Amino acid sequence: MQVRFVKMIQFSRQFKAGDRQREFNFRKLNSPDSGAFSVNVSDERGNRILFTMEKKETEWKIMPAQLPQWILISESNLHGVIEEELSKNDQFQSRM
């Protein structure tokens, strides 16, 4: 019997989105083969905004949703953050 362990990937990053510094929280969705992250961030009133990003070919894209413009404009930054974290995770896995 073969046992397959899947490391849960969860991280937070702060960067400027819109007119302010914001903390984005990322969590890779359960399947190791799926290319999807759940992302959440607070708005000005402290409400959580939840959305999903999926890998389409080589880019991480925000899935269609009614989101504030400052999130949509930050899509390339979100892509870069996810790629950076995944490359760190791959380096960690190769050392094991």
PDB file of N, CA and C in Angstrom:
ATOM      1  N   MET A   1       0.844  -1.180   0.000  1.00  0.00           N
ATOM      2  CA  MET A   1       0.000   0.000   0.000  1.00  0.00           C
ATOM      3  C   MET A   1       0.886   1.240   0.000  1.00  0.00           C
ATOM      4  N   GLN A   2       0.579   2.153  -0.861  1.00  0.00           N
ATOM      5  CA  GLN A   2       1.344   3.379  -0.966  1.00  0.00           C
ATOM      6  C   GLN A   2       0.595   4.505  -0.252  1.00  0.00           C
ATOM      7  N   VAL A   3       1.309   5.198   0.625  1.00  0.00           N
ATOM      8  CA  VAL A   3       0.729   6.325   1.352  1.00  0.00           C
ATOM      9  C   VAL A   3       1.285   7.604   0.746  1.00  0.00           C
ATOM     10  N   ARG A   4       0.410   8.506   0.438  1.00  0.00           N
ATOM     11  CA  ARG A   4       0.820   9.779  -0.160  1.00  0.00           C
ATOM     12  C   ARG A   4       0.528  10.911   0.814  1.00  0.00           C
ATOM     13  N   PHE A   5       1.572  11.612   1.205  1.00  0.00           N
ATOM     14  CA  PHE A   5       1.415  12.754   2.104  1.00  0.00           C
ATOM     15  C   PHE A   5       1.394  14.029   1.290  1.00  0.00           C
ATOM     16  N   VAL A   6       0.474  14.894   1.623  1.00  0.00           N
ATOM     17  CA  VAL A   6       0.351  16.174   0.940  1.00  0.00           C
ATOM     18  C   VAL A   6       0.531  17.263   1.981  1.00  0.00           C
ATOM     19  N   LYS A   7       1.549  18.078   1.776  1.00  0.00           N
ATOM     20  CA  LYS A   7       1.805  19.179   2.698  1.00  0.00           C
ATOM     21  C   LYS A   7       0.784  20.293   2.465  1.00  0.00           C
ATOM     22  N   MET A   8       0.191  20.751   3.546  1.00  0.00           N
ATOM     23  CA  MET A   8      -0.750  21.871   3.442  1.00  0.00           C
ATOM     24  C   MET A   8       0.051  23.160   3.273  1.00  0.00           C
ATOM     25  N   ILE A   9      -0.332  23.947   2.319  1.00  0.00           N
ATOM     26  CA  ILE A   9       0.353  25.214   2.067  1.00  0.00           C
ATOM     27  C   ILE A   9      -0.583  26.336   2.484  1.00  0.00           C
ATOM     28  N   GLN A  10      -0.115  27.127   3.447  1.00  0.00           N
ATOM     29  CA  GLN A  10      -0.892  28.253   3.960  1.00  0.00           C
ATOM     30  C   GLN A  10       0.098  29.338   4.345  1.00  0.00           C
ATOM     31  N   PHE A  11      -0.144  30.575   3.899  1.00  0.00           N
ATOM     32  CA  PHE A  11       0.781  31.661   4.194  1.00  0.00           C
ATOM     33  C   PHE A  11       0.076  33.003   4.072  1.00  0.00           C
ATOM     34  N   SER A  12       0.703  34.044   4.584  1.00  0.00           N
ATOM     35  CA  SER A  12       0.184  35.417   4.509  1.00  0.00           C
ATOM     36  C   SER A  12       1.275  36.323   3.970  1.00  0.00           C
ATOM     37  N   ARG A  13       0.877  37.333   3.223  1.00  0.00           N
ATOM     38  CA  ARG A  13       1.809  38.339   2.723  1.00  0.00           C
ATOM     39  C   ARG A  13       1.140  39.702   2.795  1.00  0.00           C
ATOM     40  N   GLN A  14       1.966  40.707   3.082  1.00  0.00           N
ATOM     41  CA  GLN A  14       1.484  42.090   3.087  1.00  0.00           C
ATOM     42  C   GLN A  14       2.089  42.826   1.904  1.00  0.00           C
ATOM     43  N   PHE A  15       1.260  43.562   1.192  1.00  0.00           N
ATOM     44  CA  PHE A  15       1.741  44.461   0.155  1.00  0.00           C
ATOM     45  C   PHE A  15       0.676  45.509  -0.115  1.00  0.00           C
ATOM     46  N   LYS A  16       1.082  46.549  -0.823  1.00  0.00           N
ATOM     47  CA  LYS A  16       0.166  47.649  -1.084  1.00  0.00           C
ATOM     48  C   LYS A  16      -0.821  47.245  -2.177  1.00  0.00           C
ATOM     49  N   ALA A  17      -2.086  47.366  -1.864  1.00  0.00           N
ATOM     50  CA  ALA A  17      -3.164  47.096  -2.811  1.00  0.00           C
ATOM     51  C   ALA A  17      -4.134  48.256  -2.716  1.00  0.00           C
ATOM     52  N   GLY A  18      -4.363  48.892  -3.829  1.00  0.00           N
ATOM     53  CA  GLY A  18      -5.186  50.104  -3.789  1.00  0.00           C
ATOM     54  C   GLY A  18      -4.376  51.209  -3.143  1.00  0.00           C
ATOM     55  N   ASP A  19      -4.936  51.829  -2.145  1.00  0.00           N
ATOM     56  CA  ASP A  19      -4.262  52.962  -1.501  1.00  0.00           C
ATOM     57  C   ASP A  19      -3.655  52.616  -0.148  1.00  0.00           C
ATOM     58  N   ARG A  20      -3.683  51.337   0.259  1.00  0.00           N
ATOM     59  CA  ARG A  20      -3.173  50.990   1.581  1.00  0.00           C
ATOM     60  C   ARG A  20      -2.446  49.643   1.593  1.00  0.00           C
ATOM     61  N   GLN A  21      -1.691  49.461   2.654  1.00  0.00           N
ATOM     62  CA  GLN A  21      -1.011  48.189   2.902  1.00  0.00           C
ATOM     63  C   GLN A  21      -2.051  47.192   3.406  1.00  0.00           C
ATOM     64  N   ARG A  22      -2.080  46.003   2.813  1.00  0.00           N
ATOM     65  CA  ARG A  22      -3.077  45.009   3.203  1.00  0.00           C
ATOM     66  C   ARG A  22      -2.422  43.649   3.378  1.00  0.00           C
ATOM     67  N   GLU A  23      -3.013  42.836   4.254  1.00  0.00           N
ATOM     68  CA  GLU A  23      -2.523  41.484   4.465  1.00  0.00           C
ATOM     69  C   GLU A  23      -3.437  40.503   3.735  1.00  0.00           C
ATOM     70  N   PHE A  24      -2.853  39.748   2.817  1.00  0.00           N
ATOM     71  CA  PHE A  24      -3.566  38.719   2.073  1.00  0.00           C
ATOM     72  C   PHE A  24      -3.201  37.362   2.661  1.00  0.00           C
ATOM     73  N   ASN A  25      -4.199  36.520   2.902  1.00  0.00           N
ATOM     74  CA  ASN A  25      -4.001  35.172   3.439  1.00  0.00           C
ATOM     75  C   ASN A  25      -4.319  34.169   2.342  1.00  0.00           C
ATOM     76  N   PHE A  26      -3.409  33.224   2.135  1.00  0.00           N
ATOM     77  CA  PHE A  26      -3.526  32.244   1.062  1.00  0.00           C
ATOM     78  C   PHE A  26      -3.593  30.846   1.660  1.00  0.00           C
ATOM     79  N   ARG A  27      -4.412  29.966   1.046  1.00  0.00           N
ATOM     80  CA  ARG A  27      -4.462  28.562   1.451  1.00  0.00           C
ATOM     81  C   ARG A  27      -4.694  27.720   0.208  1.00  0.00           C
ATOM     82  N   LYS A  28      -3.774  26.787  -0.031  1.00  0.00           N
ATOM     83  CA  LYS A  28      -3.914  25.888  -1.179  1.00  0.00           C
ATOM     84  C   LYS A  28      -5.074  24.956  -0.906  1.00  0.00           C
ATOM     85  N   LEU A  29      -5.943  24.816  -1.888  1.00  0.00           N
ATOM     86  CA  LEU A  29      -7.108  23.962  -1.714  1.00  0.00           C
ATOM     87  C   LEU A  29      -6.696  22.497  -1.726  1.00  0.00           C
ATOM     88  N   ASN A  30      -7.479  21.652  -1.100  1.00  0.00           N
ATOM     89  CA  ASN A  30      -7.141  20.301  -0.671  1.00  0.00           C
ATOM     90  C   ASN A  30      -6.445  19.388  -1.661  1.00  0.00           C
ATOM     91  N   SER A  31      -6.785  19.364  -2.890  1.00  0.00           N
ATOM     92  CA  SER A  31      -6.203  18.413  -3.824  1.00  0.00           C
ATOM     93  C   SER A  31      -4.795  18.840  -4.243  1.00  0.00           C
ATOM     94  N   PRO A  32      -3.821  17.929  -4.164  1.00  0.00           N
ATOM     95  CA  PRO A  32      -2.464  18.302  -4.562  1.00  0.00           C
ATOM     96  C   PRO A  32      -2.347  18.560  -6.060  1.00  0.00           C
ATOM     97  N   ASP A  33      -3.266  18.004  -6.834  1.00  0.00           N
ATOM     98  CA  ASP A  33      -3.216  18.168  -8.283  1.00  0.00           C
ATOM     99  C   ASP A  33      -3.956  19.403  -8.767  1.00  0.00           C
ATOM    100  N   SER A  34      -4.824  19.965  -7.929  1.00  0.00           N
ATOM    101  CA  SER A  34      -5.572  21.143  -8.362  1.00  0.00           C
ATOM    102  C   SER A  34      -4.700  22.375  -8.220  1.00  0.00           C
ATOM    103  N   GLY A  35      -4.843  23.260  -9.154  1.00  0.00           N
ATOM    104  CA  GLY A  35      -4.095  24.507  -9.096  1.00  0.00           C
ATOM    105  C   GLY A  35      -5.002  25.615  -8.614  1.00  0.00           C
ATOM    106  N   ALA A  36      -5.351  25.604  -7.324  1.00  0.00           N
ATOM    107  CA  ALA A  36      -6.264  26.623  -6.813  1.00  0.00           C
ATOM    108  C   ALA A  36      -5.868  27.042  -5.404  1.00  0.00           C
ATOM    109  N   PHE A  37      -6.014  28.327  -5.137  1.00  0.00           N
ATOM    110  CA  PHE A  37      -5.784  28.888  -3.813  1.00  0.00           C
ATOM    111  C   PHE A  37      -7.023  29.654  -3.392  1.00  0.00           C
ATOM    112  N   SER A  38      -7.354  29.537  -2.114  1.00  0.00           N
ATOM    113  CA  SER A  38      -8.367  30.376  -1.502  1.00  0.00           C
ATOM    114  C   SER A  38      -7.619  31.577  -0.934  1.00  0.00           C
ATOM    115  N   VAL A  39      -8.116  32.776  -1.197  1.00  0.00           N
ATOM    116  CA  VAL A  39      -7.450  34.005  -0.739  1.00  0.00           C
ATOM    117  C   VAL A  39      -8.471  34.838   0.015  1.00  0.00           C
ATOM    118  N   ASN A  40      -8.019  35.470   1.119  1.00  0.00           N
ATOM    119  CA  ASN A  40      -8.900  36.398   1.816  1.00  0.00           C
ATOM    120  C   ASN A  40      -8.117  37.614   2.269  1.00  0.00           C
ATOM    121  N   VAL A  41      -8.834  38.735   2.365  1.00  0.00           N
ATOM    122  CA  VAL A  41      -8.240  40.018   2.747  1.00  0.00           C
ATOM    123  C   VAL A  41      -9.346  40.864   3.378  1.00  0.00           C
ATOM    124  N   SER A  42      -8.962  41.776   4.246  1.00  0.00           N
ATOM    125  CA  SER A  42      -9.940  42.676   4.875  1.00  0.00           C
ATOM    126  C   SER A  42     -10.095  43.945   4.057  1.00  0.00           C
ATOM    127  N   ASP A  43     -11.332  44.464   4.030  1.00  0.00           N
ATOM    128  CA  ASP A  43     -11.550  45.758   3.404  1.00  0.00           C
ATOM    129  C   ASP A  43     -11.401  46.858   4.450  1.00  0.00           C
ATOM    130  N   GLU A  44     -11.749  48.085   4.094  1.00  0.00           N
ATOM    131  CA  GLU A  44     -11.579  49.227   4.998  1.00  0.00           C
ATOM    132  C   GLU A  44     -12.414  49.110   6.265  1.00  0.00           C
ATOM    133  N   ARG A  45     -13.543  48.417   6.189  1.00  0.00           N
ATOM    134  CA  ARG A  45     -14.434  48.280   7.346  1.00  0.00           C
ATOM    135  C   ARG A  45     -14.116  47.041   8.197  1.00  0.00           C
ATOM    136  N   GLY A  46     -13.122  46.259   7.779  1.00  0.00           N
ATOM    137  CA  GLY A  46     -12.771  45.057   8.522  1.00  0.00           C
ATOM    138  C   GLY A  46     -13.514  43.814   8.065  1.00  0.00           C
ATOM    139  N   ASN A  47     -14.333  43.944   7.032  1.00  0.00           N
ATOM    140  CA  ASN A  47     -15.036  42.781   6.482  1.00  0.00           C
ATOM    141  C   ASN A  47     -14.070  41.940   5.664  1.00  0.00           C
ATOM    142  N   ARG A  48     -14.194  40.610   5.745  1.00  0.00           N
ATOM    143  CA  ARG A  48     -13.339  39.715   4.981  1.00  0.00           C
ATOM    144  C   ARG A  48     -13.882  39.564   3.570  1.00  0.00           C
ATOM    145  N   ILE A  49     -12.983  39.668   2.604  1.00  0.00           N
ATOM    146  CA  ILE A  49     -13.317  39.426   1.207  1.00  0.00           C
ATOM    147  C   ILE A  49     -12.639  38.113   0.827  1.00  0.00           C
ATOM    148  N   LEU A  50     -13.424  37.146   0.380  1.00  0.00           N
ATOM    149  CA  LEU A  50     -12.927  35.829   0.018  1.00  0.00           C
ATOM    150  C   LEU A  50     -13.035  35.632  -1.488  1.00  0.00           C
ATOM    151  N   PHE A  51     -11.993  35.068  -2.092  1.00  0.00           N
ATOM    152  CA  PHE A  51     -12.039  34.746  -3.511  1.00  0.00           C
ATOM    153  C   PHE A  51     -11.059  33.620  -3.803  1.00  0.00           C
ATOM    154  N   THR A  52     -11.145  33.072  -4.995  1.00  0.00           N
ATOM    155  CA  THR A  52     -10.304  31.957  -5.401  1.00  0.00           C
ATOM    156  C   THR A  52      -9.423  32.380  -6.567  1.00  0.00           C
ATOM    157  N   MET A  53      -8.200  31.866  -6.562  1.00  0.00           N
ATOM    158  CA  MET A  53      -7.299  32.057  -7.699  1.00  0.00           C
ATOM    159  C   MET A  53      -6.959  30.681  -8.250  1.00  0.00           C
ATOM    160  N   GLU A  54      -7.047  30.537  -9.570  1.00  0.00           N
ATOM    161  CA  GLU A  54      -6.729  29.271 -10.226  1.00  0.00           C
ATOM    162  C   GLU A  54      -5.635  29.495 -11.254  1.00  0.00           C
ATOM    163  N   LYS A  55      -4.846  28.448 -11.443  1.00  0.00           N
ATOM    164  CA  LYS A  55      -3.767  28.539 -12.426  1.00  0.00           C
ATOM    165  C   LYS A  55      -4.329  28.219 -13.802  1.00  0.00           C
ATOM    166  N   LYS A  56      -4.249  29.174 -14.684  1.00  0.00           N
ATOM    167  CA  LYS A  56      -4.680  29.035 -16.077  1.00  0.00           C
ATOM    168  C   LYS A  56      -3.429  29.136 -16.940  1.00  0.00           C
ATOM    169  N   GLU A  57      -3.023  28.002 -17.498  1.00  0.00           N
ATOM    170  CA  GLU A  57      -1.783  27.880 -18.264  1.00  0.00           C
ATOM    171  C   GLU A  57      -0.602  28.236 -17.370  1.00  0.00           C
ATOM    172  N   THR A  58      -0.029  29.421 -17.475  1.00  0.00           N
ATOM    173  CA  THR A  58       1.139  29.769 -16.657  1.00  0.00           C
ATOM    174  C   THR A  58       0.866  30.880 -15.658  1.00  0.00           C
ATOM    175  N   GLU A  59      -0.337  31.412 -15.638  1.00  0.00           N
ATOM    176  CA  GLU A  59      -0.669  32.552 -14.780  1.00  0.00           C
ATOM    177  C   GLU A  59      -1.727  32.187 -13.742  1.00  0.00           C
ATOM    178  N   TRP A  60      -1.599  32.745 -12.544  1.00  0.00           N
ATOM    179  CA  TRP A  60      -2.626  32.626 -11.515  1.00  0.00           C
ATOM    180  C   TRP A  60      -3.641  33.735 -11.757  1.00  0.00           C
ATOM    181  N   LYS A  61      -4.902  33.342 -11.938  1.00  0.00           N
ATOM    182  CA  LYS A  61      -5.966  34.287 -12.276  1.00  0.00           C
ATOM    183  C   LYS A  61      -7.056  34.275 -11.207  1.00  0.00           C
ATOM    184  N   ILE A  62      -7.624  35.446 -10.943  1.00  0.00           N
ATOM    185  CA  ILE A  62      -8.764  35.570 -10.038  1.00  0.00           C
ATOM    186  C   ILE A  62      -9.982  35.009 -10.751  1.00  0.00           C
ATOM    187  N   MET A  63     -10.683  34.125 -10.065  1.00  0.00           N
ATOM    188  CA  MET A  63     -11.886  33.542 -10.647  1.00  0.00           C
ATOM    189  C   MET A  63     -12.989  34.590 -10.670  1.00  0.00           C
ATOM    190  N   PRO A  64     -13.846  34.529 -11.651  1.00  0.00           N
ATOM    191  CA  PRO A  64     -14.895  35.551 -11.780  1.00  0.00           C
ATOM    192  C   PRO A  64     -15.668  35.758 -10.477  1.00  0.00           C
ATOM    193  N   ALA A  65     -15.666  36.957 -10.035  1.00  0.00           N
ATOM    194  CA  ALA A  65     -16.382  37.328  -8.810  1.00  0.00           C
ATOM    195  C   ALA A  65     -16.563  38.839  -8.802  1.00  0.00           C
ATOM    196  N   GLN A  66     -17.514  39.286  -8.033  1.00  0.00           N
ATOM    197  CA  GLN A  66     -17.715  40.722  -7.837  1.00  0.00           C
ATOM    198  C   GLN A  66     -16.727  41.162  -6.758  1.00  0.00           C
ATOM    199  N   LEU A  67     -15.611  41.720  -7.168  1.00  0.00           N
ATOM    200  CA  LEU A  67     -14.566  42.130  -6.232  1.00  0.00           C
ATOM    201  C   LEU A  67     -14.260  43.607  -6.407  1.00  0.00           C
ATOM    202  N   PRO A  68     -13.765  44.241  -5.342  1.00  0.00           N
ATOM    203  CA  PRO A  68     -13.350  45.642  -5.463  1.00  0.00           C
ATOM    204  C   PRO A  68     -12.224  45.782  -6.498  1.00  0.00           C
ATOM    205  N   GLN A  69     -12.170  46.913  -7.116  1.00  0.00           N
ATOM    206  CA  GLN A  69     -11.175  47.175  -8.158  1.00  0.00           C
ATOM    207  C   GLN A  69      -9.750  47.027  -7.648  1.00  0.00           C
ATOM    208  N   TRP A  70      -9.487  47.406  -6.378  1.00  0.00           N
ATOM    209  CA  TRP A  70      -8.125  47.324  -5.852  1.00  0.00           C
ATOM    210  C   TRP A  70      -7.628  45.880  -5.784  1.00  0.00           C
ATOM    211  N   ILE A  71      -8.516  44.909  -5.685  1.00  0.00           N
ATOM    212  CA  ILE A  71      -8.099  43.500  -5.723  1.00  0.00           C
ATOM    213  C   ILE A  71      -7.803  43.095  -7.164  1.00  0.00           C
ATOM    214  N   LEU A  72      -8.676  43.451  -8.078  1.00  0.00           N
ATOM    215  CA  LEU A  72      -8.475  43.087  -9.481  1.00  0.00           C
ATOM    216  C   LEU A  72      -7.180  43.671 -10.037  1.00  0.00           C
ATOM    217  N   ILE A  73      -6.861  44.892  -9.646  1.00  0.00           N
ATOM    218  CA  ILE A  73      -5.626  45.531 -10.102  1.00  0.00           C
ATOM    219  C   ILE A  73      -4.396  44.815  -9.529  1.00  0.00           C
ATOM    220  N   SER A  74      -4.543  44.188  -8.375  1.00  0.00           N
ATOM    221  CA  SER A  74      -3.425  43.512  -7.704  1.00  0.00           C
ATOM    222  C   SER A  74      -3.204  42.079  -8.182  1.00  0.00           C
ATOM    223  N   GLU A  75      -3.895  41.649  -9.220  1.00  0.00           N
ATOM    224  CA  GLU A  75      -3.798  40.254  -9.666  1.00  0.00           C
ATOM    225  C   GLU A  75      -2.356  39.832  -9.975  1.00  0.00           C
ATOM    226  N   SER A  76      -1.585  40.677 -10.628  1.00  0.00           N
ATOM    227  CA  SER A  76      -0.204  40.300 -10.955  1.00  0.00           C
ATOM    228  C   SER A  76       0.655  40.174  -9.693  1.00  0.00           C
ATOM    229  N   ASN A  77       0.414  41.033  -8.689  1.00  0.00           N
ATOM    230  CA  ASN A  77       1.131  40.907  -7.417  1.00  0.00           C
ATOM    231  C   ASN A  77       0.770  39.594  -6.730  1.00  0.00           C
ATOM    232  N   LEU A  78      -0.510  39.237  -6.747  1.00  0.00           N
ATOM    233  CA  LEU A  78      -0.958  37.990  -6.137  1.00  0.00           C
ATOM    234  C   LEU A  78      -0.322  36.800  -6.852  1.00  0.00           C
ATOM    235  N   HIS A  79      -0.242  36.857  -8.169  1.00  0.00           N
ATOM    236  CA  HIS A  79       0.420  35.804  -8.945  1.00  0.00           C
ATOM    237  C   HIS A  79       1.871  35.629  -8.487  1.00  0.00           C
ATOM    238  N   GLY A  80       2.589  36.740  -8.369  1.00  0.00           N
ATOM    239  CA  GLY A  80       3.990  36.687  -7.959  1.00  0.00           C
ATOM    240  C   GLY A  80       4.184  36.100  -6.567  1.00  0.00           C
ATOM    241  N   VAL A  81       3.310  36.461  -5.643  1.00  0.00           N
ATOM    242  CA  VAL A  81       3.394  35.954  -4.272  1.00  0.00           C
ATOM    243  C   VAL A  81       3.182  34.440  -4.246  1.00  0.00           C
ATOM    244  N   ILE A  82       2.189  33.958  -4.984  1.00  0.00           N
ATOM    245  CA  ILE A  82       1.916  32.512  -5.015  1.00  0.00           C
ATOM    246  C   ILE A  82       3.098  31.770  -5.630  1.00  0.00           C
ATOM    247  N   GLU A  83       3.624  32.254  -6.744  1.00  0.00           N
ATOM    248  CA  GLU A  83       4.760  31.597  -7.393  1.00  0.00           C
ATOM    249  C   GLU A  83       5.984  31.564  -6.474  1.00  0.00           C
ATOM    250  N   GLU A  84       6.226  32.657  -5.775  1.00  0.00           N
ATOM    251  CA  GLU A  84       7.364  32.718  -4.841  1.00  0.00           C
ATOM    252  C   GLU A  84       7.219  31.672  -3.738  1.00  0.00           C
ATOM    253  N   GLU A  85       6.033  31.580  -3.161  1.00  0.00           N
ATOM    254  CA  GLU A  85       5.807  30.624  -2.075  1.00  0.00           C
ATOM    255  C   GLU A  85       5.898  29.185  -2.583  1.00  0.00           C
ATOM    256  N   LEU A  86       5.364  28.909  -3.750  1.00  0.00           N
ATOM    257  CA  LEU A  86       5.441  27.553  -4.299  1.00  0.00           C
ATOM    258  C   LEU A  86       6.875  27.157  -4.609  1.00  0.00           C
ATOM    259  N   SER A  87       7.689  28.097  -5.075  1.00  0.00           N
ATOM    260  CA  SER A  87       9.097  27.767  -5.347  1.00  0.00           C
ATOM    261  C   SER A  87       9.848  27.496  -4.042  1.00  0.00           C
ATOM    262  N   LYS A  88       9.545  28.248  -2.984  1.00  0.00           N
ATOM    263  CA  LYS A  88      10.143  27.965  -1.662  1.00  0.00           C
ATOM    264  C   LYS A  88       9.735  26.577  -1.191  1.00  0.00           C
ATOM    265  N   ASN A  89       8.467  26.233  -1.383  1.00  0.00           N
ATOM    266  CA  ASN A  89       7.950  24.945  -0.963  1.00  0.00           C
ATOM    267  C   ASN A  89       8.615  23.814  -1.745  1.00  0.00           C
ATOM    268  N   ASP A  90       8.835  24.002  -3.058  1.00  0.00           N
ATOM    269  CA  ASP A  90       9.510  22.999  -3.872  1.00  0.00           C
ATOM    270  C   ASP A  90      10.945  22.794  -3.418  1.00  0.00           C
ATOM    271  N   GLN A  91      11.637  23.876  -3.054  1.00  0.00           N
ATOM    272  CA  GLN A  91      13.009  23.769  -2.555  1.00  0.00           C
ATOM    273  C   GLN A  91      13.042  22.987  -1.253  1.00  0.00           C
ATOM    274  N   PHE A  92      12.066  23.224  -0.380  1.00  0.00           N
ATOM    275  CA  PHE A  92      11.982  22.513   0.875  1.00  0.00           C
ATOM    276  C   PHE A  92      11.743  21.021   0.640  1.00  0.00           C
ATOM    277  N   GLN A  93      10.837  20.692  -0.282  1.00  0.00           N
ATOM    278  CA  GLN A  93      10.521  19.299  -0.582  1.00  0.00           C
ATOM    279  C   GLN A  93      11.724  18.576  -1.154  1.00  0.00           C
ATOM    280  N   SER A  94      12.523  19.252  -1.988  1.00  0.00           N
ATOM    281  CA  SER A  94      13.681  18.590  -2.601  1.00  0.00           C
ATOM    282  C   SER A  94      14.786  18.308  -1.584  1.00  0.00           C
ATOM    283  N   ARG A  95      14.842  19.053  -0.488  1.00  0.00           N
ATOM    284  CA  ARG A  95      15.844  18.810   0.552  1.00  0.00           C
ATOM    285  C   ARG A  95      15.487  17.634   1.443  1.00  0.00           C
ATOM    286  N   MET A  96      14.231  17.234   1.434  1.00  0.00           N
ATOM    287  CA  MET A  96      13.791  16.136   2.311  1.00  0.00           C
ATOM    288  C   MET A  96      14.155  14.790   1.742  1.00  0.00           C
TER     289      MET A  96
END
